[in-house]
Protein backbone atom coordinates (compact mmCIF):
# COMPACT_ATOMS: atom_id res chain seq x y z
CA MET A 1 0.02 -0.05 0.03
CA PRO A 2 1.45 3.43 -0.92
CA GLU A 3 2.45 5.88 1.96
CA ASN A 4 -0.31 8.27 0.98
CA TYR A 5 -3.71 6.49 0.77
CA PHE A 6 -5.33 9.36 -1.30
CA ALA A 7 -2.42 9.31 -3.98
CA ARG A 8 -4.36 6.36 -5.64
CA TYR A 9 -7.16 8.85 -6.27
CA LEU A 10 -4.97 11.51 -8.13
CA PRO A 11 -5.89 10.04 -11.59
CA LEU A 12 -9.53 10.24 -10.77
CA LEU A 13 -9.25 13.77 -9.48
CA PHE A 14 -7.30 14.67 -12.46
CA GLN A 15 -9.99 13.33 -14.83
CA VAL A 16 -12.79 15.16 -12.99
CA VAL A 17 -10.74 18.65 -13.10
CA VAL A 18 -10.11 18.11 -16.87
CA ALA A 19 -13.69 17.33 -17.58
CA VAL A 20 -15.04 20.17 -15.48
CA GLY A 21 -12.54 22.47 -17.08
CA MET A 22 -13.49 21.38 -20.47
CA ALA A 23 -17.12 21.96 -19.89
CA ILE A 24 -16.44 25.48 -18.52
CA GLY A 25 -14.20 26.40 -21.36
CA MET A 26 -16.52 25.21 -24.00
CA VAL A 27 -19.37 27.34 -22.47
CA ALA A 28 -17.10 30.31 -21.97
CA LEU A 29 -15.78 29.96 -25.59
CA SER A 30 -19.28 29.96 -27.15
CA TRP A 31 -20.18 32.85 -25.15
CA VAL A 32 -17.05 35.04 -26.21
CA LEU A 33 -17.39 33.84 -29.84
CA GLY A 34 -21.14 33.75 -30.21
CA LYS A 35 -23.25 36.54 -31.65
CA HIS A 36 -25.23 38.48 -29.07
CA LYS A 37 -27.87 40.09 -31.45
CA TYR A 38 -31.15 39.80 -29.53
CA ASN A 39 -34.46 40.51 -31.41
CA ARG A 40 -38.14 39.52 -30.95
CA VAL A 41 -37.96 36.49 -33.21
CA LYS A 42 -34.92 35.12 -31.70
CA MET A 43 -36.24 35.39 -28.11
CA SER A 44 -39.69 34.06 -29.04
CA PRO A 45 -40.31 30.21 -27.98
CA TYR A 46 -39.84 27.83 -30.80
CA GLU A 47 -42.64 25.45 -31.71
CA CYS A 48 -41.85 23.47 -34.66
CA GLY A 49 -41.61 26.58 -37.01
CA MET A 50 -45.09 27.75 -36.13
CA GLU A 51 -46.27 30.80 -34.39
CA PRO A 52 -46.89 29.95 -30.75
CA ILE A 53 -50.59 30.47 -29.91
CA GLY A 54 -52.76 29.42 -27.06
CA ASP A 55 -52.81 29.69 -23.22
CA THR A 56 -49.75 28.80 -21.26
CA LYS A 57 -51.98 27.29 -18.47
CA GLU A 58 -53.32 24.54 -20.81
CA ARG A 59 -53.49 20.98 -19.15
CA PHE A 60 -51.33 18.36 -20.48
CA SER A 61 -51.51 14.57 -19.94
CA VAL A 62 -48.82 13.16 -17.77
CA LYS A 63 -48.75 9.77 -19.78
CA PHE A 64 -45.87 10.79 -21.85
CA TYR A 65 -43.69 11.61 -18.70
CA LEU A 66 -44.78 8.28 -17.21
CA VAL A 67 -43.67 6.38 -20.17
CA ALA A 68 -40.49 8.43 -20.29
CA MET A 69 -39.65 7.53 -16.63
CA LEU A 70 -40.49 3.97 -17.13
CA PHE A 71 -38.27 3.85 -20.26
CA ILE A 72 -35.42 5.21 -17.97
CA LEU A 73 -36.15 2.78 -15.23
CA PHE A 74 -36.12 -0.32 -17.53
CA ASP A 75 -33.04 1.02 -19.53
CA VAL A 76 -31.19 1.29 -16.19
CA GLU A 77 -32.30 -2.23 -15.25
CA ALA A 78 -31.03 -3.42 -18.71
CA VAL A 79 -27.66 -1.91 -17.94
CA PHE A 80 -27.25 -4.41 -15.14
CA LEU A 81 -27.41 -7.18 -17.50
CA TYR A 82 -24.28 -6.36 -19.18
CA PRO A 83 -21.84 -6.93 -16.19
CA TRP A 84 -23.79 -10.27 -15.59
CA ALA A 85 -23.09 -11.27 -19.18
CA VAL A 86 -19.57 -10.69 -18.89
CA ILE A 87 -18.93 -12.88 -15.75
CA LEU A 88 -21.70 -15.53 -16.53
CA ARG A 89 -19.18 -18.26 -17.17
CA ASP A 90 -17.54 -17.64 -13.75
CA LEU A 91 -20.94 -17.65 -12.04
CA LYS A 92 -22.01 -20.91 -13.59
CA MET A 93 -25.64 -21.94 -12.59
CA PHE A 94 -25.86 -19.85 -9.54
CA GLY A 95 -25.39 -16.63 -11.84
CA PHE A 96 -28.13 -18.01 -14.17
CA TRP A 97 -30.72 -18.44 -11.68
CA GLU A 98 -29.86 -15.35 -9.85
CA MET A 99 -30.34 -13.32 -13.15
CA LEU A 100 -33.57 -15.31 -13.84
CA VAL A 101 -35.09 -14.25 -10.57
CA TYR A 102 -34.05 -10.54 -11.62
CA VAL A 103 -35.59 -10.76 -14.89
CA VAL A 104 -38.81 -12.22 -13.52
CA VAL A 105 -39.13 -9.35 -10.90
CA ILE A 106 -38.47 -6.78 -13.74
CA LEU A 107 -41.21 -8.55 -16.06
CA GLY A 108 -43.48 -8.63 -13.02
CA GLY A 109 -43.13 -4.83 -12.80
CA LEU A 110 -43.74 -4.48 -16.53
CA PHE A 111 -46.92 -6.73 -16.11
CA TYR A 112 -48.13 -4.61 -13.27
CA ILE A 113 -47.80 -1.21 -15.12
CA TRP A 114 -49.36 -2.77 -18.24
CA LYS A 115 -52.37 -3.94 -16.30
CA LYS A 116 -52.72 -0.58 -14.52
CA GLY A 117 -52.97 0.96 -17.88
CA VAL A 118 -49.97 3.25 -17.85
CA LEU A 119 -48.95 2.15 -21.16
CA ASP A 120 -52.38 2.62 -22.88
CA TRP A 121 -52.37 5.93 -24.39
CA ASN A 122 -55.84 5.57 -26.12
CA LYS A 123 -57.74 5.76 -22.76
CA PRO A 124 -59.67 9.05 -22.64
CA GLU A 125 -59.15 11.14 -19.52
CA ALA A 126 -62.26 12.07 -17.50
CA ILE A 127 -62.17 15.63 -16.08
CA ARG A 128 -64.69 16.08 -13.61
CA THR A 129 -65.77 19.72 -12.63
CA VAL A 130 -67.79 21.33 -9.87
CA GLY A 131 -70.07 24.36 -10.27
CA ILE A 132 -71.84 26.05 -12.85
CA PRO A 133 -69.96 26.74 -16.15
CA SER A 134 -69.00 30.37 -16.95
CA THR A 135 -69.09 31.38 -13.26
CA PRO A 136 -66.29 32.00 -10.88
CA ASP A 137 -67.15 28.81 -8.74
CA PHE A 138 -66.64 26.55 -11.77
CA ARG A 139 -63.39 24.43 -11.11
CA LEU A 140 -61.89 21.08 -11.45
CA ALA A 141 -63.35 18.58 -8.88
CA SER A 142 -61.07 17.03 -6.31
CA VAL A 143 -63.25 14.21 -5.20
CA PRO A 144 -62.62 10.49 -5.09
CA SER A 145 -64.02 8.41 -7.90
CA GLU A 146 -66.64 6.81 -5.62
CA THR A 147 -68.36 10.23 -5.23
CA ILE A 148 -68.82 11.25 -8.86
CA GLU A 149 -72.31 12.18 -8.24
CA GLU A 150 -71.32 14.89 -5.99
CA ALA A 151 -69.28 16.39 -8.58
CA HIS A 152 -72.31 16.95 -10.83
CA VAL A 153 -73.92 19.29 -8.14
CA GLY A 154 -73.34 22.29 -10.32
CA ALA A 155 -75.05 20.77 -13.25
CA ALA A 156 -78.08 19.96 -11.03
CA ILE A 157 -78.22 23.59 -9.65
CA ALA A 158 -77.95 24.84 -13.17
CA ALA A 159 -80.82 22.58 -14.30
CA GLU A 160 -82.94 23.86 -11.33
CA GLY A 161 -82.30 27.49 -12.06
CA SER A 162 -83.33 27.17 -15.65
CA LYS A 163 -86.88 25.93 -14.74
């Protein structure tokens, strides 16, 4: 063992310093050499070459983000298969059965999210509201699915008022 224990980590420290230095250098160089002519078109949000229209408070479905997170999760899990494949001959049958259990657990998770409908993009999302439309009390309902009837109180009041 070397006299200084931390001397073994000098190459790692050197690599981190070089990587951070290169990142800072590239950003600084692009800022120095880049053109700084700001105008309305350049500072507007880019939306596939089309003029951005609409309200910024529009509701978006979270299904895309769920699928993206699941992709990352299963992609990371797949990365664990590579080291196992490299040393499979050394592990013999123990390694095979160990990885078989691992894959069964991963496939169980995939089957679970499949049955929960996370991967089904064709299901319409039901948006429940409370209150009378076009009035200040009209809002999204925050009630459990068992009490959907209570979410239609505004519609019943509107029907009674039109009599």
